[in-house]
Amino acid sequence: MSDLLIDLQAFTESLPPLLRWVGVLLAGLIPYVEAEGASVIGIVAGIHPAIAIPAAVIGNAIALLVVVSVTSAVRSGVKAAAGAASSAGSARSRTAAGSTGAVDTIDTTATAVDESNPKRQRMRRVFDRWGVPGVSFLGPLLLPSHVTAAAMVGFGAPKARVFVWGVVAVAAWAVVIGVLVYLGVQVALH
């Protein structure tokens, strides 16, 4: 992973100064690098945080949009296929009330993934407890936002809500980490 970050930084620095933000945007597309890592790459490459952080967030947002859209389409296809196969089933819903006060109504019909999978069960418990906002903010501590977004849409959370909260969360993390790195770089230079 460190080789990837070094290569991304070298790529960004090799671009003409007015195009370095493109390198940051591209880095933000990559899972595990995301907006947080891309903003750091940009700041260390000499881009001002006011440019590096938004470029990183836009890159991450593009990737999130693709992941959420594809996962939603796959889930809709699986649900339609399951609905055609079992027309006698009735729709059930589960409500997840997070500590944020937000309530997400989740359609639990046509679950394509094995519910006995321990990782899926653990992720579902976290989702049930914290809802879309909580998982969006806490998820990047353990997994890329791409993975948590796909899981939430897979659980039936509304794709627009997952996308918006995902972008808000990665932007917040990118601002916090980017500002800390910028301050650190400033201290190191003086």
Protein backbone atom coordinates (compact mmCIF):
# COMPACT_ATOMS: atom_id res chain seq x y z
CA MET A 1 0.00 0.00 0.00
CA SER A 2 2.83 2.41 0.79
CA ASP A 3 4.26 1.84 -2.71
CA LEU A 4 0.92 2.87 -4.19
CA LEU A 5 0.88 6.06 -2.13
CA ILE A 6 4.47 6.87 -3.09
CA ASP A 7 3.67 6.24 -6.76
CA LEU A 8 0.53 8.42 -6.56
CA GLN A 9 2.51 11.20 -4.94
CA ALA A 10 5.26 10.96 -7.59
CA PHE A 11 2.61 10.99 -10.33
CA THR A 12 0.92 14.04 -8.82
CA GLU A 13 4.22 15.89 -8.44
CA SER A 14 5.19 15.04 -12.05
CA LEU A 15 2.16 16.88 -13.39
CA PRO A 16 2.43 20.55 -14.33
CA PRO A 17 1.61 22.68 -11.26
CA LEU A 18 -1.74 23.83 -12.68
CA LEU A 19 -2.82 20.19 -13.26
CA ARG A 20 -1.70 18.58 -10.02
CA TRP A 21 -5.27 18.69 -8.74
CA VAL A 22 -6.07 16.09 -11.44
CA GLY A 23 -3.64 13.67 -9.78
CA VAL A 24 -5.36 14.28 -6.45
CA LEU A 25 -8.79 13.71 -7.99
CA LEU A 26 -7.61 10.44 -9.55
CA ALA A 27 -6.11 9.30 -6.25
CA GLY A 28 -9.46 10.00 -4.54
CA LEU A 29 -11.10 7.44 -6.83
CA ILE A 30 -9.04 4.58 -5.39
CA PRO A 31 -10.41 2.51 -2.49
CA TYR A 32 -8.26 2.70 0.65
CA VAL A 33 -6.69 5.95 -0.62
CA GLU A 34 -9.99 7.83 -0.84
CA ALA A 35 -10.42 11.53 -0.12
CA GLU A 36 -8.43 11.39 3.11
CA GLY A 37 -5.32 9.91 1.53
CA ALA A 38 -5.66 11.89 -1.69
CA SER A 39 -5.84 15.18 0.20
CA VAL A 40 -2.65 14.25 2.04
CA ILE A 41 -0.96 13.35 -1.27
CA GLY A 42 -1.97 16.71 -2.70
CA ILE A 43 -0.89 18.74 0.30
CA VAL A 44 2.48 17.01 0.53
CA ALA A 45 2.89 17.56 -3.24
CA GLY A 46 2.58 21.29 -2.59
CA ILE A 47 -1.05 21.91 -3.47
CA HIS A 48 -2.90 24.30 -1.17
CA PRO A 49 -5.52 22.52 0.98
CA ALA A 50 -8.27 24.70 -0.52
CA ILE A 51 -7.57 22.95 -3.85
CA ALA A 52 -6.35 19.51 -2.70
CA ILE A 53 -9.23 18.71 -0.35
CA PRO A 54 -12.10 19.53 -2.76
CA ALA A 55 -10.32 17.68 -5.60
CA ALA A 56 -9.90 14.62 -3.38
CA VAL A 57 -13.54 14.76 -2.26
CA ILE A 58 -14.77 15.08 -5.85
CA GLY A 59 -12.71 12.03 -6.86
CA ASN A 60 -14.07 10.03 -3.94
CA ALA A 61 -17.63 11.22 -4.70
CA ILE A 62 -17.36 10.01 -8.29
CA ALA A 63 -16.25 6.57 -7.09
CA LEU A 64 -19.04 6.47 -4.49
CA LEU A 65 -21.62 7.38 -7.13
CA VAL A 66 -20.47 4.50 -9.32
CA VAL A 67 -20.42 2.00 -6.43
CA VAL A 68 -23.83 3.05 -5.10
CA SER A 69 -25.40 3.01 -8.57
CA VAL A 70 -23.99 -0.40 -9.51
CA THR A 71 -24.88 -1.95 -6.13
CA SER A 72 -28.40 -0.55 -6.36
CA ALA A 73 -28.84 -1.93 -9.88
CA VAL A 74 -27.58 -5.36 -8.83
CA ARG A 75 -29.82 -5.37 -5.76
CA SER A 76 -32.83 -4.38 -7.88
CA GLY A 77 -32.07 -7.18 -10.32
CA VAL A 78 -31.70 -9.76 -7.57
CA LYS A 79 -34.86 -8.53 -5.89
CA ALA A 80 -36.81 -8.68 -9.18
CA ALA A 81 -35.55 -12.19 -9.88
CA ALA A 82 -36.42 -13.33 -6.37
CA GLY A 83 -39.83 -11.67 -6.62
CA ALA A 84 -40.57 -13.49 -9.86
CA ALA A 85 -39.44 -16.80 -8.37
CA SER A 86 -41.49 -16.39 -5.22
CA SER A 87 -44.63 -14.40 -5.87
CA ALA A 88 -46.23 -15.74 -2.69
CA GLY A 89 -43.74 -13.92 -0.41
CA SER A 90 -44.77 -10.80 1.41
CA ALA A 91 -42.58 -7.74 1.81
CA ARG A 92 -41.09 -7.23 5.22
CA SER A 93 -39.26 -4.19 6.42
CA ARG A 94 -36.86 -3.50 9.21
CA THR A 95 -36.36 -0.15 10.84
CA ALA A 96 -32.91 0.85 11.97
CA ALA A 97 -32.87 3.70 14.47
CA GLY A 98 -29.42 5.12 14.82
CA SER A 99 -28.07 7.15 17.69
CA THR A 100 -28.22 10.11 15.33
CA GLY A 101 -31.99 10.02 15.59
CA ALA A 102 -32.24 9.08 11.93
CA VAL A 103 -34.46 6.17 11.01
CA ASP A 104 -33.77 4.09 7.92
CA THR A 105 -36.47 1.76 6.63
CA ILE A 106 -34.81 -1.21 5.07
CA ASP A 107 -36.50 -3.67 2.75
CA THR A 108 -35.29 -7.11 3.73
CA THR A 109 -36.90 -9.10 0.95
CA ALA A 110 -34.73 -10.92 -1.57
CA THR A 111 -31.50 -10.88 0.41
CA ALA A 112 -28.93 -12.36 -1.93
CA VAL A 113 -26.11 -12.82 0.55
CA ASP A 114 -25.95 -15.54 3.17
CA GLU A 115 -27.19 -14.10 6.48
CA SER A 116 -25.09 -16.65 8.40
CA ASN A 117 -21.85 -14.96 7.32
CA PRO A 118 -20.33 -13.54 10.56
CA LYS A 119 -18.86 -10.45 8.86
CA ARG A 120 -22.19 -9.65 7.26
CA GLN A 121 -23.98 -10.15 10.59
CA ARG A 122 -21.53 -7.81 12.35
CA MET A 123 -21.89 -5.18 9.63
CA ARG A 124 -25.68 -5.51 9.82
CA ARG A 125 -25.64 -5.00 13.62
CA VAL A 126 -23.54 -1.85 13.20
CA PHE A 127 -25.90 -0.62 10.50
CA ASP A 128 -28.99 -1.37 12.59
CA ARG A 129 -27.51 0.53 15.51
CA TRP A 130 -26.04 3.59 13.78
CA GLY A 131 -27.98 3.93 10.51
CA VAL A 132 -26.66 5.49 7.31
CA PRO A 133 -25.12 8.62 8.92
CA GLY A 134 -23.31 6.68 11.63
CA VAL A 135 -21.91 4.02 9.32
CA SER A 136 -20.87 6.70 6.83
CA PHE A 137 -18.85 8.55 9.48
CA LEU A 138 -17.54 5.54 11.40
CA GLY A 139 -16.97 3.23 8.42
CA PRO A 140 -13.79 4.89 7.12
CA LEU A 141 -12.07 4.02 10.39
CA LEU A 142 -12.18 0.34 9.37
CA LEU A 143 -13.17 0.02 5.71
CA PRO A 144 -13.17 2.16 2.58
CA SER A 145 -16.30 4.24 2.04
CA HIS A 146 -16.85 2.23 -1.14
CA VAL A 147 -17.30 -0.97 0.87
CA THR A 148 -19.56 0.52 3.52
CA ALA A 149 -21.69 2.27 0.88
CA ALA A 150 -22.11 -0.96 -1.07
CA ALA A 151 -23.07 -2.82 2.10
CA MET A 152 -25.66 -0.23 3.11
CA VAL A 153 -27.26 -0.22 -0.34
CA GLY A 154 -27.14 -4.02 -0.25
CA PHE A 155 -29.05 -3.90 3.04
CA GLY A 156 -31.69 -1.80 1.27
CA ALA A 157 -30.81 1.72 2.36
CA PRO A 158 -31.88 4.39 -0.14
CA LYS A 159 -29.04 4.99 -2.59
CA ALA A 160 -29.42 8.79 -2.56
CA ARG A 161 -29.15 8.85 1.23
CA VAL A 162 -26.10 6.58 1.20
CA PHE A 163 -24.42 8.74 -1.46
CA VAL A 164 -25.11 12.07 0.28
CA TRP A 165 -24.01 10.86 3.72
CA GLY A 166 -20.99 9.13 2.19
CA VAL A 167 -19.82 12.34 0.54
CA VAL A 168 -20.47 14.36 3.71
CA ALA A 169 -18.46 11.87 5.76
CA VAL A 170 -15.47 11.63 3.42
CA ALA A 171 -15.44 15.41 3.07
CA ALA A 172 -15.38 15.83 6.85
CA TRP A 173 -12.58 13.27 7.24
CA ALA A 174 -10.62 14.84 4.37
CA VAL A 175 -10.91 18.31 5.92
CA VAL A 176 -9.79 17.12 9.35
CA ILE A 177 -6.88 15.04 8.10
CA GLY A 178 -5.93 17.52 5.37
CA VAL A 179 -5.79 20.47 7.76
CA LEU A 180 -3.73 18.48 10.28
CA VAL A 181 -1.26 17.46 7.56
CA TYR A 182 -1.10 21.01 6.22
CA LEU A 183 -0.33 22.33 9.70
CA GLY A 184 2.30 19.62 10.16
CA VAL A 185 3.94 20.46 6.84
CA GLN A 186 3.97 24.17 7.77
CA VAL A 187 5.64 23.39 11.10
CA ALA A 188 8.19 21.15 9.41
CA LEU A 189 9.08 23.86 6.88
CA HIS A 190 9.69 26.50 9.54
